Amino acid sequence: EWSYSLVFALIALAVAGDARSHREARIHPLITSIA
């Protein structure tokens, strides 16, 4: 159970860790990460 903090941090980094243009159509990174 303790490992899920590391897992979720990696998921959030994979979703929102890069620079993206505001014109790109995509779901908000927070929603994607939580889903």
PDB file of all heavy atoms in Angstrom:
ATOM      1  N   GLU A   1       0.813  -1.213   0.000  1.00  0.00           N
ATOM      2  CA  GLU A   1       0.000   0.000   0.000  1.00  0.00           C
ATOM      3  C   GLU A   1       0.849   1.265   0.000  1.00  0.00           C
ATOM      4  O   GLU A   1       0.461   2.291  -0.574  1.00  0.00           O
ATOM      5  CB  GLU A   1      -0.946  -0.015   1.207  1.00  0.00           C
ATOM      6  CG  GLU A   1      -2.103   0.940   1.082  1.00  0.00           C
ATOM      7  CD  GLU A   1      -3.166   0.671   2.124  1.00  0.00           C
ATOM      8  OE1 GLU A   1      -2.804   0.246   3.245  1.00  0.00           O
ATOM      9  OE2 GLU A   1      -4.352   0.883   1.848  1.00  0.00           O
ATOM     10  N   TRP A   2       2.013   1.218   0.640  1.00  0.00           N
ATOM     11  CA  TRP A   2       2.858   2.410   0.714  1.00  0.00           C
ATOM     12  C   TRP A   2       3.350   2.851  -0.659  1.00  0.00           C
ATOM     13  O   TRP A   2       3.655   4.041  -0.869  1.00  0.00           O
ATOM     14  CB  TRP A   2       4.073   2.119   1.609  1.00  0.00           C
ATOM     15  CG  TRP A   2       4.962   1.051   1.038  1.00  0.00           C
ATOM     16  CD1 TRP A   2       4.858  -0.292   1.225  1.00  0.00           C
ATOM     17  CD2 TRP A   2       6.079   1.241   0.170  1.00  0.00           C
ATOM     18  NE1 TRP A   2       5.839  -0.961   0.543  1.00  0.00           N
ATOM     19  CE2 TRP A   2       6.600  -0.036  -0.126  1.00  0.00           C
ATOM     20  CE3 TRP A   2       6.691   2.360  -0.382  1.00  0.00           C
ATOM     21  CZ2 TRP A   2       7.706  -0.219  -0.947  1.00  0.00           C
ATOM     22  CZ3 TRP A   2       7.791   2.192  -1.205  1.00  0.00           C
ATOM     23  CH2 TRP A   2       8.285   0.906  -1.488  1.00  0.00           C
ATOM     24  N   SER A   3       3.441   1.932  -1.617  1.00  0.00           N
ATOM     25  CA  SER A   3       4.030   2.237  -2.921  1.00  0.00           C
ATOM     26  C   SER A   3       3.132   3.094  -3.796  1.00  0.00           C
ATOM     27  O   SER A   3       3.593   3.636  -4.808  1.00  0.00           O
ATOM     28  CB  SER A   3       4.356   0.936  -3.660  1.00  0.00           C
ATOM     29  OG  SER A   3       3.178   0.189  -3.922  1.00  0.00           O
ATOM     30  N   TYR A   4       1.859   3.241  -3.449  1.00  0.00           N
ATOM     31  CA  TYR A   4       0.946   3.980  -4.316  1.00  0.00           C
ATOM     32  C   TYR A   4       1.276   5.471  -4.367  1.00  0.00           C
ATOM     33  O   TYR A   4       0.891   6.150  -5.324  1.00  0.00           O
ATOM     34  CB  TYR A   4      -0.503   3.753  -3.883  1.00  0.00           C
ATOM     35  CG  TYR A   4      -1.036   2.423  -4.358  1.00  0.00           C
ATOM     36  CD1 TYR A   4      -1.004   1.305  -3.529  1.00  0.00           C
ATOM     37  CD2 TYR A   4      -1.534   2.266  -5.639  1.00  0.00           C
ATOM     38  CE1 TYR A   4      -1.471   0.071  -3.966  1.00  0.00           C
ATOM     39  CE2 TYR A   4      -2.002   1.033  -6.090  1.00  0.00           C
ATOM     40  CZ  TYR A   4      -1.965  -0.049  -5.246  1.00  0.00           C
ATOM     41  OH  TYR A   4      -2.416  -1.274  -5.687  1.00  0.00           O
ATOM     42  N   SER A   5       1.941   6.000  -3.369  1.00  0.00           N
ATOM     43  CA  SER A   5       2.378   7.392  -3.451  1.00  0.00           C
ATOM     44  C   SER A   5       3.389   7.562  -4.589  1.00  0.00           C
ATOM     45  O   SER A   5       3.312   8.522  -5.374  1.00  0.00           O
ATOM     46  CB  SER A   5       2.997   7.834  -2.120  1.00  0.00           C
ATOM     47  OG  SER A   5       2.037   7.844  -1.093  1.00  0.00           O
ATOM     48  N   LEU A   6       4.337   6.651  -4.698  1.00  0.00           N
ATOM     49  CA  LEU A   6       5.300   6.694  -5.797  1.00  0.00           C
ATOM     50  C   LEU A   6       4.604   6.463  -7.134  1.00  0.00           C
ATOM     51  O   LEU A   6       4.915   7.137  -8.133  1.00  0.00           O
ATOM     52  CB  LEU A   6       6.387   5.635  -5.582  1.00  0.00           C
ATOM     53  CG  LEU A   6       7.320   5.849  -4.390  1.00  0.00           C
ATOM     54  CD1 LEU A   6       8.183   4.616  -4.167  1.00  0.00           C
ATOM     55  CD2 LEU A   6       8.201   7.072  -4.617  1.00  0.00           C
ATOM     56  N   VAL A   7       3.671   5.521  -7.183  1.00  0.00           N
ATOM     57  CA  VAL A   7       2.967   5.216  -8.426  1.00  0.00           C
ATOM     58  C   VAL A   7       2.175   6.429  -8.908  1.00  0.00           C
ATOM     59  O   VAL A   7       2.246   6.813 -10.086  1.00  0.00           O
ATOM     60  CB  VAL A   7       2.034   4.011  -8.229  1.00  0.00           C
ATOM     61  CG1 VAL A   7       1.207   3.751  -9.486  1.00  0.00           C
ATOM     62  CG2 VAL A   7       2.825   2.774  -7.858  1.00  0.00           C
ATOM     63  N   PHE A   8       1.433   7.052  -8.005  1.00  0.00           N
ATOM     64  CA  PHE A   8       0.599   8.186  -8.400  1.00  0.00           C
ATOM     65  C   PHE A   8       1.445   9.395  -8.801  1.00  0.00           C
ATOM     66  O   PHE A   8       1.051  10.168  -9.671  1.00  0.00           O
ATOM     67  CB  PHE A   8      -0.350   8.560  -7.260  1.00  0.00           C
ATOM     68  CG  PHE A   8      -1.479   7.586  -7.069  1.00  0.00           C
ATOM     69  CD1 PHE A   8      -1.534   6.400  -7.792  1.00  0.00           C
ATOM     70  CD2 PHE A   8      -2.499   7.832  -6.169  1.00  0.00           C
ATOM     71  CE1 PHE A   8      -2.566   5.495  -7.628  1.00  0.00           C
ATOM     72  CE2 PHE A   8      -3.541   6.942  -5.992  1.00  0.00           C
ATOM     73  CZ  PHE A   8      -3.576   5.769  -6.729  1.00  0.00           C
ATOM     74  N   ALA A   9       2.592   9.562  -8.150  1.00  0.00           N
ATOM     75  CA  ALA A   9       3.486  10.656  -8.546  1.00  0.00           C
ATOM     76  C   ALA A   9       4.012  10.432  -9.958  1.00  0.00           C
ATOM     77  O   ALA A   9       4.084  11.374 -10.766  1.00  0.00           O
ATOM     78  CB  ALA A   9       4.642  10.768  -7.557  1.00  0.00           C
ATOM     79  N   LEU A  10       4.365   9.197 -10.291  1.00  0.00           N
ATOM     80  CA  LEU A  10       4.825   8.886 -11.644  1.00  0.00           C
ATOM     81  C   LEU A  10       3.709   9.107 -12.664  1.00  0.00           C
ATOM     82  O   LEU A  10       3.948   9.611 -13.771  1.00  0.00           O
ATOM     83  CB  LEU A  10       5.316   7.442 -11.706  1.00  0.00           C
ATOM     84  CG  LEU A  10       6.650   7.147 -11.008  1.00  0.00           C
ATOM     85  CD1 LEU A  10       6.908   5.643 -10.955  1.00  0.00           C
ATOM     86  CD2 LEU A  10       7.804   7.855 -11.717  1.00  0.00           C
ATOM     87  N   ILE A  11       2.475   8.734 -12.311  1.00  0.00           N
ATOM     88  CA  ILE A  11       1.343   8.945 -13.210  1.00  0.00           C
ATOM     89  C   ILE A  11       1.143  10.431 -13.471  1.00  0.00           C
ATOM     90  O   ILE A  11       0.961  10.866 -14.626  1.00  0.00           O
ATOM     91  CB  ILE A  11       0.071   8.316 -12.627  1.00  0.00           C
ATOM     92  CG1 ILE A  11       0.178   6.789 -12.642  1.00  0.00           C
ATOM     93  CG2 ILE A  11      -1.171   8.757 -13.393  1.00  0.00           C
ATOM     94  CD1 ILE A  11      -0.969   6.080 -11.948  1.00  0.00           C
ATOM     95  N   ALA A  12       1.180  11.247 -12.410  1.00  0.00           N
ATOM     96  CA  ALA A  12       1.003  12.693 -12.582  1.00  0.00           C
ATOM     97  C   ALA A  12       2.133  13.299 -13.412  1.00  0.00           C
ATOM     98  O   ALA A  12       1.912  14.196 -14.231  1.00  0.00           O
ATOM     99  CB  ALA A  12       0.920  13.373 -11.214  1.00  0.00           C
ATOM    100  N   LEU A  13       3.350  12.809 -13.221  1.00  0.00           N
ATOM    101  CA  LEU A  13       4.475  13.294 -14.024  1.00  0.00           C
ATOM    102  C   LEU A  13       4.317  12.906 -15.493  1.00  0.00           C
ATOM    103  O   LEU A  13       4.624  13.697 -16.394  1.00  0.00           O
ATOM    104  CB  LEU A  13       5.782  12.725 -13.473  1.00  0.00           C
ATOM    105  CG  LEU A  13       6.327  13.370 -12.202  1.00  0.00           C
ATOM    106  CD1 LEU A  13       7.449  12.529 -11.613  1.00  0.00           C
ATOM    107  CD2 LEU A  13       6.830  14.786 -12.505  1.00  0.00           C
ATOM    108  N   ALA A  14       3.855  11.695 -15.739  1.00  0.00           N
ATOM    109  CA  ALA A  14       3.657  11.252 -17.119  1.00  0.00           C
ATOM    110  C   ALA A  14       2.540  12.021 -17.806  1.00  0.00           C
ATOM    111  O   ALA A  14       2.554  12.199 -19.031  1.00  0.00           O
ATOM    112  CB  ALA A  14       3.361   9.755 -17.150  1.00  0.00           C
ATOM    113  N   VAL A  15       1.579  12.498 -17.032  1.00  0.00           N
ATOM    114  CA  VAL A  15       0.447  13.225 -17.610  1.00  0.00           C
ATOM    115  C   VAL A  15       0.755  14.709 -17.787  1.00  0.00           C
ATOM    116  O   VAL A  15       0.461  15.291 -18.838  1.00  0.00           O
ATOM    117  CB  VAL A  15      -0.812  13.041 -16.724  1.00  0.00           C
ATOM    118  CG1 VAL A  15      -1.946  13.943 -17.198  1.00  0.00           C
ATOM    119  CG2 VAL A  15      -1.262  11.597 -16.727  1.00  0.00           C
ATOM    120  N   ALA A  16       1.343  15.337 -16.764  1.00  0.00           N
ATOM    121  CA  ALA A  16       1.472  16.803 -16.765  1.00  0.00           C
ATOM    122  C   ALA A  16       2.903  17.286 -16.686  1.00  0.00           C
ATOM    123  O   ALA A  16       3.133  18.482 -16.466  1.00  0.00           O
ATOM    124  CB  ALA A  16       0.683  17.382 -15.583  1.00  0.00           C
ATOM    125  N   GLY A  17       3.898  16.417 -16.879  1.00  0.00           N
ATOM    126  CA  GLY A  17       5.280  16.834 -16.678  1.00  0.00           C
ATOM    127  C   GLY A  17       5.965  17.444 -17.875  1.00  0.00           C
ATOM    128  O   GLY A  17       7.161  17.756 -17.808  1.00  0.00           O
ATOM    129  N   ASP A  18       5.263  17.646 -18.970  1.00  0.00           N
ATOM    130  CA  ASP A  18       5.893  18.236 -20.151  1.00  0.00           C
ATOM    131  C   ASP A  18       5.204  19.538 -20.507  1.00  0.00           C
ATOM    132  O   ASP A  18       4.067  19.791 -20.135  1.00  0.00           O
ATOM    133  CB  ASP A  18       5.825  17.267 -21.337  1.00  0.00           C
ATOM    134  CG  ASP A  18       4.395  16.959 -21.730  1.00  0.00           C
ATOM    135  OD1 ASP A  18       3.519  17.020 -20.830  1.00  0.00           O
ATOM    136  OD2 ASP A  18       4.138  16.685 -22.911  1.00  0.00           O
ATOM    137  N   ALA A  19       5.928  20.381 -21.252  1.00  0.00           N
ATOM    138  CA  ALA A  19       5.370  21.662 -21.697  1.00  0.00           C
ATOM    139  C   ALA A  19       4.456  21.410 -22.885  1.00  0.00           C
ATOM    140  O   ALA A  19       4.840  20.772 -23.861  1.00  0.00           O
ATOM    141  CB  ALA A  19       6.491  22.624 -22.081  1.00  0.00           C
ATOM    142  N   ARG A  20       3.221  21.917 -22.791  1.00  0.00           N
ATOM    143  CA  ARG A  20       2.241  21.716 -23.857  1.00  0.00           C
ATOM    144  C   ARG A  20       1.634  23.052 -24.241  1.00  0.00           C
ATOM    145  O   ARG A  20       1.493  23.968 -23.427  1.00  0.00           O
ATOM    146  CB  ARG A  20       1.131  20.762 -23.390  1.00  0.00           C
ATOM    147  CG  ARG A  20       1.609  19.371 -23.042  1.00  0.00           C
ATOM    148  CD  ARG A  20       1.982  18.578 -24.261  1.00  0.00           C
ATOM    149  NE  ARG A  20       0.833  18.364 -25.116  1.00  0.00           N
ATOM    150  CZ  ARG A  20       0.009  17.323 -25.007  1.00  0.00           C
ATOM    151  NH1 ARG A  20       0.239  16.396 -24.080  1.00  0.00           N
ATOM    152  NH2 ARG A  20      -1.017  17.178 -25.823  1.00  0.00           N
ATOM    153  N   SER A  21       1.242  23.162 -25.509  1.00  0.00           N
ATOM    154  CA  SER A  21       0.588  24.369 -25.990  1.00  0.00           C
ATOM    155  C   SER A  21      -0.830  24.439 -25.444  1.00  0.00           C
ATOM    156  O   SER A  21      -1.504  23.413 -25.294  1.00  0.00           O
ATOM    157  CB  SER A  21       0.558  24.382 -27.519  1.00  0.00           C
ATOM    158  OG  SER A  21      -0.249  25.452 -27.997  1.00  0.00           O
ATOM    159  N   HIS A  22      -1.290  25.642 -25.146  1.00  0.00           N
ATOM    160  CA  HIS A  22      -2.646  25.816 -24.630  1.00  0.00           C
ATOM    161  C   HIS A  22      -3.693  25.559 -25.701  1.00  0.00           C
ATOM    162  O   HIS A  22      -4.878  25.424 -25.393  1.00  0.00           O
ATOM    163  CB  HIS A  22      -2.822  27.229 -24.076  1.00  0.00           C
ATOM    164  CG  HIS A  22      -1.824  27.580 -23.009  1.00  0.00           C
ATOM    165  ND1 HIS A  22      -1.704  26.869 -21.847  1.00  0.00           N
ATOM    166  CD2 HIS A  22      -0.894  28.568 -22.955  1.00  0.00           C
ATOM    167  CE1 HIS A  22      -0.737  27.398 -21.089  1.00  0.00           C
ATOM    168  NE2 HIS A  22      -0.228  28.440 -21.754  1.00  0.00           N
ATOM    169  N   ARG A  23      -3.264  25.538 -26.966  1.00  0.00           N
ATOM    170  CA  ARG A  23      -4.218  25.350 -28.062  1.00  0.00           C
ATOM    171  C   ARG A  23      -4.523  23.881 -28.319  1.00  0.00           C
ATOM    172  O   ARG A  23      -5.418  23.567 -29.086  1.00  0.00           O
ATOM    173  CB  ARG A  23      -3.664  25.991 -29.338  1.00  0.00           C
ATOM    174  CG  ARG A  23      -3.470  27.500 -29.213  1.00  0.00           C
ATOM    175  CD  ARG A  23      -2.940  28.091 -30.500  1.00  0.00           C
ATOM    176  NE  ARG A  23      -2.755  29.535 -30.386  1.00  0.00           N
ATOM    177  CZ  ARG A  23      -2.287  30.304 -31.380  1.00  0.00           C
ATOM    178  NH1 ARG A  23      -1.950  29.740 -32.537  1.00  0.00           N
ATOM    179  NH2 ARG A  23      -2.159  31.615 -31.207  1.00  0.00           N
ATOM    180  N   GLU A  24      -3.784  22.995 -27.711  1.00  0.00           N
ATOM    181  CA  GLU A  24      -4.026  21.572 -27.919  1.00  0.00           C
ATOM    182  C   GLU A  24      -5.288  21.152 -27.168  1.00  0.00           C
ATOM    183  O   GLU A  24      -5.491  21.535 -26.020  1.00  0.00           O
ATOM    184  CB  GLU A  24      -2.838  20.743 -27.431  1.00  0.00           C
ATOM    185  CG  GLU A  24      -1.562  20.972 -28.225  1.00  0.00           C
ATOM    186  CD  GLU A  24      -0.458  20.034 -27.769  1.00  0.00           C
ATOM    187  OE1 GLU A  24      -0.770  18.890 -27.385  1.00  0.00           O
ATOM    188  OE2 GLU A  24       0.707  20.454 -27.787  1.00  0.00           O
ATOM    189  N   ALA A  25      -6.110  20.375 -27.862  1.00  0.00           N
ATOM    190  CA  ALA A  25      -7.343  19.876 -27.247  1.00  0.00           C
ATOM    191  C   ALA A  25      -7.022  18.639 -26.417  1.00  0.00           C
ATOM    192  O   ALA A  25      -6.675  17.593 -26.959  1.00  0.00           O
ATOM    193  CB  ALA A  25      -8.376  19.538 -28.326  1.00  0.00           C
ATOM    194  N   ARG A  26      -7.110  18.780 -25.108  1.00  0.00           N
ATOM    195  CA  ARG A  26      -6.893  17.643 -24.230  1.00  0.00           C
ATOM    196  C   ARG A  26      -7.611  17.884 -22.917  1.00  0.00           C
ATOM    197  O   ARG A  26      -7.894  19.034 -22.535  1.00  0.00           O
ATOM    198  CB  ARG A  26      -5.406  17.398 -23.970  1.00  0.00           C
ATOM    199  CG  ARG A  26      -4.699  18.499 -23.202  1.00  0.00           C
ATOM    200  CD  ARG A  26      -3.330  18.011 -22.746  1.00  0.00           C
ATOM    201  NE  ARG A  26      -2.619  19.032 -21.993  1.00  0.00           N
ATOM    202  CZ  ARG A  26      -1.512  18.797 -21.292  1.00  0.00           C
ATOM    203  NH1 ARG A  26      -1.010  17.571 -21.258  1.00  0.00           N
ATOM    204  NH2 ARG A  26      -0.907  19.757 -20.634  1.00  0.00           N
ATOM    205  N   ILE A  27      -7.922  16.794 -22.256  1.00  0.00           N
ATOM    206  CA  ILE A  27      -8.569  16.891 -20.953  1.00  0.00           C
ATOM    207  C   ILE A  27      -7.583  17.483 -19.955  1.00  0.00           C
ATOM    208  O   ILE A  27      -6.377  17.268 -20.037  1.00  0.00           O
ATOM    209  CB  ILE A  27      -9.045  15.497 -20.505  1.00  0.00           C
ATOM    210  CG1 ILE A  27      -9.995  14.905 -21.549  1.00  0.00           C
ATOM    211  CG2 ILE A  27      -9.733  15.548 -19.158  1.00  0.00           C
ATOM    212  CD1 ILE A  27     -10.423  13.490 -21.256  1.00  0.00           C
ATOM    213  N   HIS A  28      -8.089  18.231 -18.998  1.00  0.00           N
ATOM    214  CA  HIS A  28      -7.219  18.852 -18.000  1.00  0.00           C
ATOM    215  C   HIS A  28      -6.358  17.783 -17.322  1.00  0.00           C
ATOM    216  O   HIS A  28      -6.858  16.707 -16.954  1.00  0.00           O
ATOM    217  CB  HIS A  28      -8.057  19.578 -16.949  1.00  0.00           C
ATOM    218  CG  HIS A  28      -7.260  20.511 -16.090  1.00  0.00           C
ATOM    219  ND1 HIS A  28      -6.495  20.068 -15.036  1.00  0.00           N
ATOM    220  CD2 HIS A  28      -7.099  21.865 -16.150  1.00  0.00           C
ATOM    221  CE1 HIS A  28      -5.911  21.094 -14.463  1.00  0.00           C
ATOM    222  NE2 HIS A  28      -6.258  22.206 -15.122  1.00  0.00           N
ATOM    223  N   PRO A  29      -5.071  18.030 -17.164  1.00  0.00           N
ATOM    224  CA  PRO A  29      -4.177  17.015 -16.578  1.00  0.00           C
ATOM    225  C   PRO A  29      -4.620  16.521 -15.211  1.00  0.00           C
ATOM    226  O   PRO A  29      -4.402  15.345 -14.875  1.00  0.00           O
ATOM    227  CB  PRO A  29      -2.829  17.740 -16.497  1.00  0.00           C
ATOM    228  CG  PRO A  29      -2.901  18.787 -17.558  1.00  0.00           C
ATOM    229  CD  PRO A  29      -4.338  19.217 -17.617  1.00  0.00           C
ATOM    230  N   LEU A  30      -5.236  17.384 -14.414  1.00  0.00           N
ATOM    231  CA  LEU A  30      -5.691  16.953 -13.090  1.00  0.00           C
ATOM    232  C   LEU A  30      -6.772  15.883 -13.207  1.00  0.00           C
ATOM    233  O   LEU A  30      -6.751  14.879 -12.475  1.00  0.00           O
ATOM    234  CB  LEU A  30      -6.214  18.161 -12.304  1.00  0.00           C
ATOM    235  CG  LEU A  30      -6.710  17.880 -10.880  1.00  0.00           C
ATOM    236  CD1 LEU A  30      -5.606  17.282 -10.034  1.00  0.00           C
ATOM    237  CD2 LEU A  30      -7.246  19.149 -10.240  1.00  0.00           C
ATOM    238  N   ILE A  31      -7.715  16.089 -14.129  1.00  0.00           N
ATOM    239  CA  ILE A  31      -8.780  15.103 -14.325  1.00  0.00           C
ATOM    240  C   ILE A  31      -8.202  13.785 -14.831  1.00  0.00           C
ATOM    241  O   ILE A  31      -8.568  12.695 -14.369  1.00  0.00           O
ATOM    242  CB  ILE A  31      -9.837  15.656 -15.293  1.00  0.00           C
ATOM    243  CG1 ILE A  31     -10.477  16.918 -14.714  1.00  0.00           C
ATOM    244  CG2 ILE A  31     -10.896  14.595 -15.596  1.00  0.00           C
ATOM    245  CD1 ILE A  31     -11.472  17.579 -15.637  1.00  0.00           C
ATOM    246  N   THR A  32      -7.283  13.881 -15.808  1.00  0.00           N
ATOM    247  CA  THR A  32      -6.671  12.675 -16.357  1.00  0.00           C
ATOM    248  C   THR A  32      -5.897  11.913 -15.283  1.00  0.00           C
ATOM    249  O   THR A  32      -6.005  10.686 -15.175  1.00  0.00           O
ATOM    250  CB  THR A  32      -5.731  13.040 -17.513  1.00  0.00           C
ATOM    251  OG1 THR A  32      -6.463  13.760 -18.506  1.00  0.00           O
ATOM    252  CG2 THR A  32      -5.131  11.802 -18.139  1.00  0.00           C
ATOM    253  N   SER A  33      -5.123  12.629 -14.494  1.00  0.00           N
ATOM    254  CA  SER A  33      -4.314  11.974 -13.454  1.00  0.00           C
ATOM    255  C   SER A  33      -5.196  11.283 -12.424  1.00  0.00           C
ATOM    256  O   SER A  33      -4.930  10.132 -12.034  1.00  0.00           O
ATOM    257  CB  SER A  33      -3.417  13.009 -12.764  1.00  0.00           C
ATOM    258  OG  SER A  33      -2.558  13.644 -13.682  1.00  0.00           O
ATOM    259  N   ILE A  34      -6.252  11.957 -11.973  1.00  0.00           N
ATOM    260  CA  ILE A  34      -7.133  11.368 -10.967  1.00  0.00           C
ATOM    261  C   ILE A  34      -7.873  10.165 -11.540  1.00  0.00           C
ATOM    262  O   ILE A  34      -8.043   9.144 -10.859  1.00  0.00           O
ATOM    263  CB  ILE A  34      -8.116  12.421 -10.439  1.00  0.00           C
ATOM    264  CG1 ILE A  34      -7.359  13.498  -9.649  1.00  0.00           C
ATOM    265  CG2 ILE A  34      -9.182  11.783  -9.563  1.00  0.00           C
ATOM    266  CD1 ILE A  34      -8.237  14.610  -9.134  1.00  0.00           C
ATOM    267  N   ALA A  35      -8.301  10.259 -12.797  1.00  0.00           N
ATOM    268  CA  ALA A  35      -9.022   9.139 -13.417  1.00  0.00           C
ATOM    269  C   ALA A  35      -8.133   7.901 -13.508  1.00  0.00           C
ATOM    270  O   ALA A  35      -8.558   6.784 -13.163  1.00  0.00           O
ATOM    271  CB  ALA A  35      -9.516   9.547 -14.802  1.00  0.00           C
TER     272      ALA A  35
END
